[in-house]
Amino acid sequence: FNGFTGYAGVEPPTLFGLYWRDPIPFYY
């Protein structure tokens, strides 16, 4: 679990030409 620091850089995949962490795709 990498202790106190934890993990960073965990991102959703890019599907159908959309980056799913962008506000509108992520909201829907």
PDB file of all heavy atoms in Angstrom:
ATOM      1  N   PHE A   1       0.804  -1.227   0.000  1.00  0.00           N
ATOM      2  CA  PHE A   1       0.000   0.000   0.000  1.00  0.00           C
ATOM      3  C   PHE A   1       0.836   1.275   0.000  1.00  0.00           C
ATOM      4  O   PHE A   1       0.293   2.370   0.046  1.00  0.00           O
ATOM      5  CB  PHE A   1      -0.953  -0.004   1.197  1.00  0.00           C
ATOM      6  CG  PHE A   1      -1.937  -1.136   1.186  1.00  0.00           C
ATOM      7  CD1 PHE A   1      -1.709  -2.274   1.933  1.00  0.00           C
ATOM      8  CD2 PHE A   1      -3.073  -1.070   0.405  1.00  0.00           C
ATOM      9  CE1 PHE A   1      -2.611  -3.331   1.925  1.00  0.00           C
ATOM     10  CE2 PHE A   1      -3.980  -2.109   0.380  1.00  0.00           C
ATOM     11  CZ  PHE A   1      -3.755  -3.251   1.137  1.00  0.00           C
ATOM     12  N   ASN A   2       2.151   1.164  -0.017  1.00  0.00           N
ATOM     13  CA  ASN A   2       3.064   2.305  -0.098  1.00  0.00           C
ATOM     14  C   ASN A   2       2.892   3.279   1.058  1.00  0.00           C
ATOM     15  O   ASN A   2       3.153   4.476   0.932  1.00  0.00           O
ATOM     16  CB  ASN A   2       2.906   3.048  -1.426  1.00  0.00           C
ATOM     17  CG  ASN A   2       4.102   3.918  -1.747  1.00  0.00           C
ATOM     18  OD1 ASN A   2       5.236   3.576  -1.405  1.00  0.00           O
ATOM     19  ND2 ASN A   2       3.870   5.033  -2.412  1.00  0.00           N
ATOM     20  N   GLY A   3       2.449   2.775   2.186  1.00  0.00           N
ATOM     21  CA  GLY A   3       2.444   3.529   3.420  1.00  0.00           C
ATOM     22  C   GLY A   3       1.715   4.851   3.381  1.00  0.00           C
ATOM     23  O   GLY A   3       0.656   4.994   2.763  1.00  0.00           O
ATOM     24  N   PHE A   4       2.323   5.837   4.058  1.00  0.00           N
ATOM     25  CA  PHE A   4       1.693   7.140   4.228  1.00  0.00           C
ATOM     26  C   PHE A   4       1.493   7.866   2.899  1.00  0.00           C
ATOM     27  O   PHE A   4       0.530   8.609   2.724  1.00  0.00           O
ATOM     28  CB  PHE A   4       2.552   8.007   5.161  1.00  0.00           C
ATOM     29  CG  PHE A   4       1.955   9.345   5.464  1.00  0.00           C
ATOM     30  CD1 PHE A   4       0.992   9.481   6.448  1.00  0.00           C
ATOM     31  CD2 PHE A   4       2.348  10.481   4.764  1.00  0.00           C
ATOM     32  CE1 PHE A   4       0.430  10.717   6.730  1.00  0.00           C
ATOM     33  CE2 PHE A   4       1.802  11.716   5.045  1.00  0.00           C
ATOM     34  CZ  PHE A   4       0.839  11.839   6.031  1.00  0.00           C
ATOM     35  N   THR A   5       2.383   7.641   1.948  1.00  0.00           N
ATOM     36  CA  THR A   5       2.302   8.346   0.662  1.00  0.00           C
ATOM     37  C   THR A   5       1.145   7.854  -0.197  1.00  0.00           C
ATOM     38  O   THR A   5       0.473   8.644  -0.867  1.00  0.00           O
ATOM     39  CB  THR A   5       3.617   8.190  -0.118  1.00  0.00           C
ATOM     40  OG1 THR A   5       4.689   8.639   0.703  1.00  0.00           O
ATOM     41  CG2 THR A   5       3.576   8.976  -1.413  1.00  0.00           C
ATOM     42  N   GLY A   6       0.906   6.558  -0.184  1.00  0.00           N
ATOM     43  CA  GLY A   6      -0.146   6.011  -1.028  1.00  0.00           C
ATOM     44  C   GLY A   6       0.268   5.975  -2.486  1.00  0.00           C
ATOM     45  O   GLY A   6       1.450   5.891  -2.824  1.00  0.00           O
ATOM     46  N   TYR A   7      -0.713   6.067  -3.363  1.00  0.00           N
ATOM     47  CA  TYR A   7      -0.466   5.993  -4.805  1.00  0.00           C
ATOM     48  C   TYR A   7      -1.018   7.232  -5.497  1.00  0.00           C
ATOM     49  O   TYR A   7      -2.064   7.760  -5.111  1.00  0.00           O
ATOM     50  CB  TYR A   7      -1.127   4.756  -5.402  1.00  0.00           C
ATOM     51  CG  TYR A   7      -0.515   3.452  -4.952  1.00  0.00           C
ATOM     52  CD1 TYR A   7      -1.124   2.692  -3.968  1.00  0.00           C
ATOM     53  CD2 TYR A   7       0.670   2.986  -5.502  1.00  0.00           C
ATOM     54  CE1 TYR A   7      -0.575   1.493  -3.540  1.00  0.00           C
ATOM     55  CE2 TYR A   7       1.237   1.794  -5.086  1.00  0.00           C
ATOM     56  CZ  TYR A   7       0.606   1.053  -4.108  1.00  0.00           C
ATOM     57  OH  TYR A   7       1.168  -0.135  -3.690  1.00  0.00           O
ATOM     58  N   ALA A   8      -0.304   7.653  -6.523  1.00  0.00           N
ATOM     59  CA  ALA A   8      -0.745   8.773  -7.357  1.00  0.00           C
ATOM     60  C   ALA A   8      -0.701   8.339  -8.814  1.00  0.00           C
ATOM     61  O   ALA A   8      -0.177   7.279  -9.151  1.00  0.00           O
ATOM     62  CB  ALA A   8       0.139   9.996  -7.133  1.00  0.00           C
ATOM     63  N   GLY A   9      -1.257   9.189  -9.666  1.00  0.00           N
ATOM     64  CA  GLY A   9      -1.233   8.906 -11.091  1.00  0.00           C
ATOM     65  C   GLY A   9      -2.158   7.786 -11.513  1.00  0.00           C
ATOM     66  O   GLY A   9      -1.907   7.111 -12.510  1.00  0.00           O
ATOM     67  N   VAL A  10      -3.249   7.573 -10.768  1.00  0.00           N
ATOM     68  CA  VAL A  10      -4.245   6.557 -11.134  1.00  0.00           C
ATOM     69  C   VAL A  10      -5.316   7.254 -11.975  1.00  0.00           C
ATOM     70  O   VAL A  10      -6.078   8.081 -11.459  1.00  0.00           O
ATOM     71  CB  VAL A  10      -4.866   5.911  -9.886  1.00  0.00           C
ATOM     72  CG1 VAL A  10      -5.808   4.776 -10.294  1.00  0.00           C
ATOM     73  CG2 VAL A  10      -3.780   5.404  -8.949  1.00  0.00           C
ATOM     74  N   GLU A  11      -5.369   6.927 -13.242  1.00  0.00           N
ATOM     75  CA  GLU A  11      -6.246   7.644 -14.168  1.00  0.00           C
ATOM     76  C   GLU A  11      -7.159   6.686 -14.919  1.00  0.00           C
ATOM     77  O   GLU A  11      -6.802   5.517 -15.130  1.00  0.00           O
ATOM     78  CB  GLU A  11      -5.406   8.445 -15.169  1.00  0.00           C
ATOM     79  CG  GLU A  11      -4.515   9.498 -14.523  1.00  0.00           C
ATOM     80  CD  GLU A  11      -3.729  10.285 -15.544  1.00  0.00           C
ATOM     81  OE1 GLU A  11      -3.770   9.891 -16.733  1.00  0.00           O
ATOM     82  OE2 GLU A  11      -3.087  11.278 -15.161  1.00  0.00           O
ATOM     83  N   PRO A  12      -8.317   7.180 -15.330  1.00  0.00           N
ATOM     84  CA  PRO A  12      -9.217   6.342 -16.131  1.00  0.00           C
ATOM     85  C   PRO A  12      -8.685   6.180 -17.545  1.00  0.00           C
ATOM     86  O   PRO A  12      -7.843   6.973 -18.008  1.00  0.00           O
ATOM     87  CB  PRO A  12     -10.535   7.131 -16.113  1.00  0.00           C
ATOM     88  CG  PRO A  12     -10.115   8.550 -15.926  1.00  0.00           C
ATOM     89  CD  PRO A  12      -8.893   8.498 -15.047  1.00  0.00           C
ATOM     90  N   PRO A  13      -9.170   5.191 -18.270  1.00  0.00           N
ATOM     91  CA  PRO A  13      -8.687   4.985 -19.645  1.00  0.00           C
ATOM     92  C   PRO A  13      -9.267   6.012 -20.609  1.00  0.00           C
ATOM     93  O   PRO A  13     -10.236   6.716 -20.284  1.00  0.00           O
ATOM     94  CB  PRO A  13      -9.193   3.573 -19.982  1.00  0.00           C
ATOM     95  CG  PRO A  13     -10.419   3.423 -19.143  1.00  0.00           C
ATOM     96  CD  PRO A  13     -10.146   4.164 -17.864  1.00  0.00           C
ATOM     97  N   THR A  14      -8.686   6.098 -21.756  1.00  0.00           N
ATOM     98  CA  THR A  14      -9.217   6.928 -22.840  1.00  0.00           C
ATOM     99  C   THR A  14      -9.948   6.018 -23.816  1.00  0.00           C
ATOM    100  O   THR A  14      -9.343   5.164 -24.465  1.00  0.00           O
ATOM    101  CB  THR A  14      -8.088   7.676 -23.565  1.00  0.00           C
ATOM    102  OG1 THR A  14      -7.415   8.521 -22.627  1.00  0.00           O
ATOM    103  CG2 THR A  14      -8.637   8.526 -24.701  1.00  0.00           C
ATOM    104  N   LEU A  15     -11.261   6.179 -23.901  1.00  0.00           N
ATOM    105  CA  LEU A  15     -12.093   5.334 -24.747  1.00  0.00           C
ATOM    106  C   LEU A  15     -12.947   6.194 -25.662  1.00  0.00           C
ATOM    107  O   LEU A  15     -13.412   7.280 -25.254  1.00  0.00           O
ATOM    108  CB  LEU A  15     -13.001   4.439 -23.896  1.00  0.00           C
ATOM    109  CG  LEU A  15     -12.311   3.371 -23.029  1.00  0.00           C
ATOM    110  CD1 LEU A  15     -13.338   2.664 -22.159  1.00  0.00           C
ATOM    111  CD2 LEU A  15     -11.569   2.373 -23.893  1.00  0.00           C
ATOM    112  N   PHE A  16     -13.174   5.695 -26.874  1.00  0.00           N
ATOM    113  CA  PHE A  16     -14.005   6.396 -27.855  1.00  0.00           C
ATOM    114  C   PHE A  16     -13.513   7.827 -28.087  1.00  0.00           C
ATOM    115  O   PHE A  16     -14.317   8.743 -28.338  1.00  0.00           O
ATOM    116  CB  PHE A  16     -15.469   6.417 -27.404  1.00  0.00           C
ATOM    117  CG  PHE A  16     -15.995   5.076 -27.000  1.00  0.00           C
ATOM    118  CD1 PHE A  16     -16.291   4.806 -25.666  1.00  0.00           C
ATOM    119  CD2 PHE A  16     -16.178   4.074 -27.941  1.00  0.00           C
ATOM    120  CE1 PHE A  16     -16.774   3.575 -25.282  1.00  0.00           C
ATOM    121  CE2 PHE A  16     -16.661   2.831 -27.568  1.00  0.00           C
ATOM    122  CZ  PHE A  16     -16.958   2.570 -26.238  1.00  0.00           C
ATOM    123  N   GLY A  17     -12.221   8.007 -27.963  1.00  0.00           N
ATOM    124  CA  GLY A  17     -11.644   9.322 -28.178  1.00  0.00           C
ATOM    125  C   GLY A  17     -11.873  10.298 -27.042  1.00  0.00           C
ATOM    126  O   GLY A  17     -11.616  11.499 -27.186  1.00  0.00           O
ATOM    127  N   LEU A  18     -12.347   9.823 -25.883  1.00  0.00           N
ATOM    128  CA  LEU A  18     -12.641  10.684 -24.742  1.00  0.00           C
ATOM    129  C   LEU A  18     -11.724  10.332 -23.581  1.00  0.00           C
ATOM    130  O   LEU A  18     -11.512   9.149 -23.280  1.00  0.00           O
ATOM    131  CB  LEU A  18     -14.100  10.526 -24.299  1.00  0.00           C
ATOM    132  CG  LEU A  18     -15.179  10.975 -25.278  1.00  0.00           C
ATOM    133  CD1 LEU A  18     -16.555  10.608 -24.731  1.00  0.00           C
ATOM    134  CD2 LEU A  18     -15.102  12.478 -25.520  1.00  0.00           C
ATOM    135  N   TYR A  19     -11.192  11.367 -22.946  1.00  0.00           N
ATOM    136  CA  TYR A  19     -10.455  11.183 -21.706  1.00  0.00           C
ATOM    137  C   TYR A  19     -11.477  11.307 -20.578  1.00  0.00           C
ATOM    138  O   TYR A  19     -12.009  12.374 -20.308  1.00  0.00           O
ATOM    139  CB  TYR A  19      -9.362  12.229 -21.562  1.00  0.00           C
ATOM    140  CG  TYR A  19      -8.594  12.140 -20.272  1.00  0.00           C
ATOM    141  CD1 TYR A  19      -8.000  10.947 -19.873  1.00  0.00           C
ATOM    142  CD2 TYR A  19      -8.455  13.255 -19.451  1.00  0.00           C
ATOM    143  CE1 TYR A  19      -7.286  10.864 -18.692  1.00  0.00           C
ATOM    144  CE2 TYR A  19      -7.734  13.186 -18.266  1.00  0.00           C
ATOM    145  CZ  TYR A  19      -7.158  11.983 -17.896  1.00  0.00           C
ATOM    146  OH  TYR A  19      -6.458  11.897 -16.722  1.00  0.00           O
ATOM    147  N   TRP A  20     -11.741  10.193 -19.898  1.00  0.00           N
ATOM    148  CA  TRP A  20     -12.886  10.116 -19.002  1.00  0.00           C
ATOM    149  C   TRP A  20     -12.697  10.850 -17.684  1.00  0.00           C
ATOM    150  O   TRP A  20     -13.598  10.818 -16.834  1.00  0.00           O
ATOM    151  CB  TRP A  20     -13.250   8.656 -18.757  1.00  0.00           C
ATOM    152  CG  TRP A  20     -13.874   8.045 -19.964  1.00  0.00           C
ATOM    153  CD1 TRP A  20     -13.247   7.340 -20.948  1.00  0.00           C
ATOM    154  CD2 TRP A  20     -15.244   8.134 -20.349  1.00  0.00           C
ATOM    155  NE1 TRP A  20     -14.145   6.982 -21.924  1.00  0.00           N
ATOM    156  CE2 TRP A  20     -15.375   7.453 -21.578  1.00  0.00           C
ATOM    157  CE3 TRP A  20     -16.369   8.721 -19.780  1.00  0.00           C
ATOM    158  CZ2 TRP A  20     -16.585   7.336 -22.240  1.00  0.00           C
ATOM    159  CZ3 TRP A  20     -17.579   8.606 -20.434  1.00  0.00           C
ATOM    160  CH2 TRP A  20     -17.683   7.924 -21.639  1.00  0.00           C
ATOM    161  N   ARG A  21     -11.550  11.518 -17.506  1.00  0.00           N
ATOM    162  CA  ARG A  21     -11.414  12.353 -16.320  1.00  0.00           C
ATOM    163  C   ARG A  21     -11.755  13.806 -16.623  1.00  0.00           C
ATOM    164  O   ARG A  21     -11.794  14.639 -15.696  1.00  0.00           O
ATOM    165  CB  ARG A  21      -9.985  12.254 -15.768  1.00  0.00           C
ATOM    166  CG  ARG A  21      -9.914  12.633 -14.296  1.00  0.00           C
ATOM    167  CD  ARG A  21      -8.508  12.609 -13.773  1.00  0.00           C
ATOM    168  NE  ARG A  21      -8.448  13.133 -12.404  1.00  0.00           N
ATOM    169  CZ  ARG A  21      -7.355  13.544 -11.817  1.00  0.00           C
ATOM    170  NH1 ARG A  21      -6.199  13.496 -12.463  1.00  0.00           N
ATOM    171  NH2 ARG A  21      -7.378  14.006 -10.590  1.00  0.00           N
ATOM    172  N   ASP A  22     -11.986  14.134 -17.878  1.00  0.00           N
ATOM    173  CA  ASP A  22     -12.481  15.469 -18.194  1.00  0.00           C
ATOM    174  C   ASP A  22     -13.834  15.674 -17.522  1.00  0.00           C
ATOM    175  O   ASP A  22     -14.608  14.715 -17.373  1.00  0.00           O
ATOM    176  CB  ASP A  22     -12.604  15.650 -19.703  1.00  0.00           C
ATOM    177  CG  ASP A  22     -11.245  15.774 -20.374  1.00  0.00           C
ATOM    178  OD1 ASP A  22     -10.277  16.156 -19.677  1.00  0.00           O
ATOM    179  OD2 ASP A  22     -11.139  15.476 -21.583  1.00  0.00           O
ATOM    180  N   PRO A  23     -14.159  16.898 -17.118  1.00  0.00           N
ATOM    181  CA  PRO A  23     -15.363  17.123 -16.293  1.00  0.00           C
ATOM    182  C   PRO A  23     -16.653  16.565 -16.880  1.00  0.00           C
ATOM    183  O   PRO A  23     -17.383  15.850 -16.184  1.00  0.00           O
ATOM    184  CB  PRO A  23     -15.411  18.658 -16.184  1.00  0.00           C
ATOM    185  CG  PRO A  23     -14.004  19.085 -16.305  1.00  0.00           C
ATOM    186  CD  PRO A  23     -13.371  18.136 -17.283  1.00  0.00           C
ATOM    187  N   ILE A  24     -16.955  16.862 -18.137  1.00  0.00           N
ATOM    188  CA  ILE A  24     -18.242  16.450 -18.685  1.00  0.00           C
ATOM    189  C   ILE A  24     -18.330  14.936 -18.883  1.00  0.00           C
ATOM    190  O   ILE A  24     -19.306  14.300 -18.430  1.00  0.00           O
ATOM    191  CB  ILE A  24     -18.535  17.205 -19.991  1.00  0.00           C
ATOM    192  CG1 ILE A  24     -18.733  18.694 -19.691  1.00  0.00           C
ATOM    193  CG2 ILE A  24     -19.771  16.634 -20.681  1.00  0.00           C
ATOM    194  CD1 ILE A  24     -19.000  19.547 -20.911  1.00  0.00           C
ATOM    195  N   PRO A  25     -17.347  14.268 -19.529  1.00  0.00           N
ATOM    196  CA  PRO A  25     -17.440  12.803 -19.627  1.00  0.00           C
ATOM    197  C   PRO A  25     -17.472  12.115 -18.264  1.00  0.00           C
ATOM    198  O   PRO A  25     -18.224  11.156 -18.066  1.00  0.00           O
ATOM    199  CB  PRO A  25     -16.188  12.419 -20.419  1.00  0.00           C
ATOM    200  CG  PRO A  25     -15.821  13.645 -21.177  1.00  0.00           C
ATOM    201  CD  PRO A  25     -16.189  14.779 -20.280  1.00  0.00           C
ATOM    202  N   PHE A  26     -16.662  12.598 -17.324  1.00  0.00           N
ATOM    203  CA  PHE A  26     -16.640  11.970 -16.000  1.00  0.00           C
ATOM    204  C   PHE A  26     -17.971  12.147 -15.292  1.00  0.00           C
ATOM    205  O   PHE A  26     -18.461  11.227 -14.621  1.00  0.00           O
ATOM    206  CB  PHE A  26     -15.511  12.563 -15.161  1.00  0.00           C
ATOM    207  CG  PHE A  26     -15.294  11.856 -13.855  1.00  0.00           C
ATOM    208  CD1 PHE A  26     -14.540  10.691 -13.809  1.00  0.00           C
ATOM    209  CD2 PHE A  26     -15.834  12.350 -12.679  1.00  0.00           C
ATOM    210  CE1 PHE A  26     -14.337  10.028 -12.608  1.00  0.00           C
ATOM    211  CE2 PHE A  26     -15.641  11.691 -11.483  1.00  0.00           C
ATOM    212  CZ  PHE A  26     -14.889  10.523 -11.440  1.00  0.00           C
ATOM    213  N   TYR A  27     -18.589  13.319 -15.432  1.00  0.00           N
ATOM    214  CA  TYR A  27     -19.879  13.559 -14.793  1.00  0.00           C
ATOM    215  C   TYR A  27     -20.938  12.608 -15.337  1.00  0.00           C
ATOM    216  O   TYR A  27     -21.692  12.003 -14.566  1.00  0.00           O
ATOM    217  CB  TYR A  27     -20.311  15.012 -15.012  1.00  0.00           C
ATOM    218  CG  TYR A  27     -21.745  15.271 -14.606  1.00  0.00           C
ATOM    219  CD1 TYR A  27     -22.076  15.497 -13.277  1.00  0.00           C
ATOM    220  CD2 TYR A  27     -22.767  15.273 -15.553  1.00  0.00           C
ATOM    221  CE1 TYR A  27     -23.392  15.718 -12.899  1.00  0.00           C
ATOM    222  CE2 TYR A  27     -24.080  15.491 -15.183  1.00  0.00           C
ATOM    223  CZ  TYR A  27     -24.395  15.717 -13.854  1.00  0.00           C
ATOM    224  OH  TYR A  27     -25.701  15.922 -13.486  1.00  0.00           O
ATOM    225  N   TYR A  28     -20.999  12.470 -16.664  1.00  0.00           N
ATOM    226  CA  TYR A  28     -22.029  11.608 -17.242  1.00  0.00           C
ATOM    227  C   TYR A  28     -21.779  10.137 -16.908  1.00  0.00           C
ATOM    228  O   TYR A  28     -22.727   9.367 -16.713  1.00  0.00           O
ATOM    229  CB  TYR A  28     -22.104  11.812 -18.752  1.00  0.00           C
ATOM    230  CG  TYR A  28     -22.876  13.051 -19.143  1.00  0.00           C
ATOM    231  CD1 TYR A  28     -22.270  14.092 -19.840  1.00  0.00           C
ATOM    232  CD2 TYR A  28     -24.217  13.190 -18.806  1.00  0.00           C
ATOM    233  CE1 TYR A  28     -22.978  15.236 -20.192  1.00  0.00           C
ATOM    234  CE2 TYR A  28     -24.936  14.324 -19.148  1.00  0.00           C
ATOM    235  CZ  TYR A  28     -24.310  15.338 -19.845  1.00  0.00           C
ATOM    236  OH  TYR A  28     -25.023  16.466 -20.184  1.00  0.00           O
TER     237      TYR A  28
END
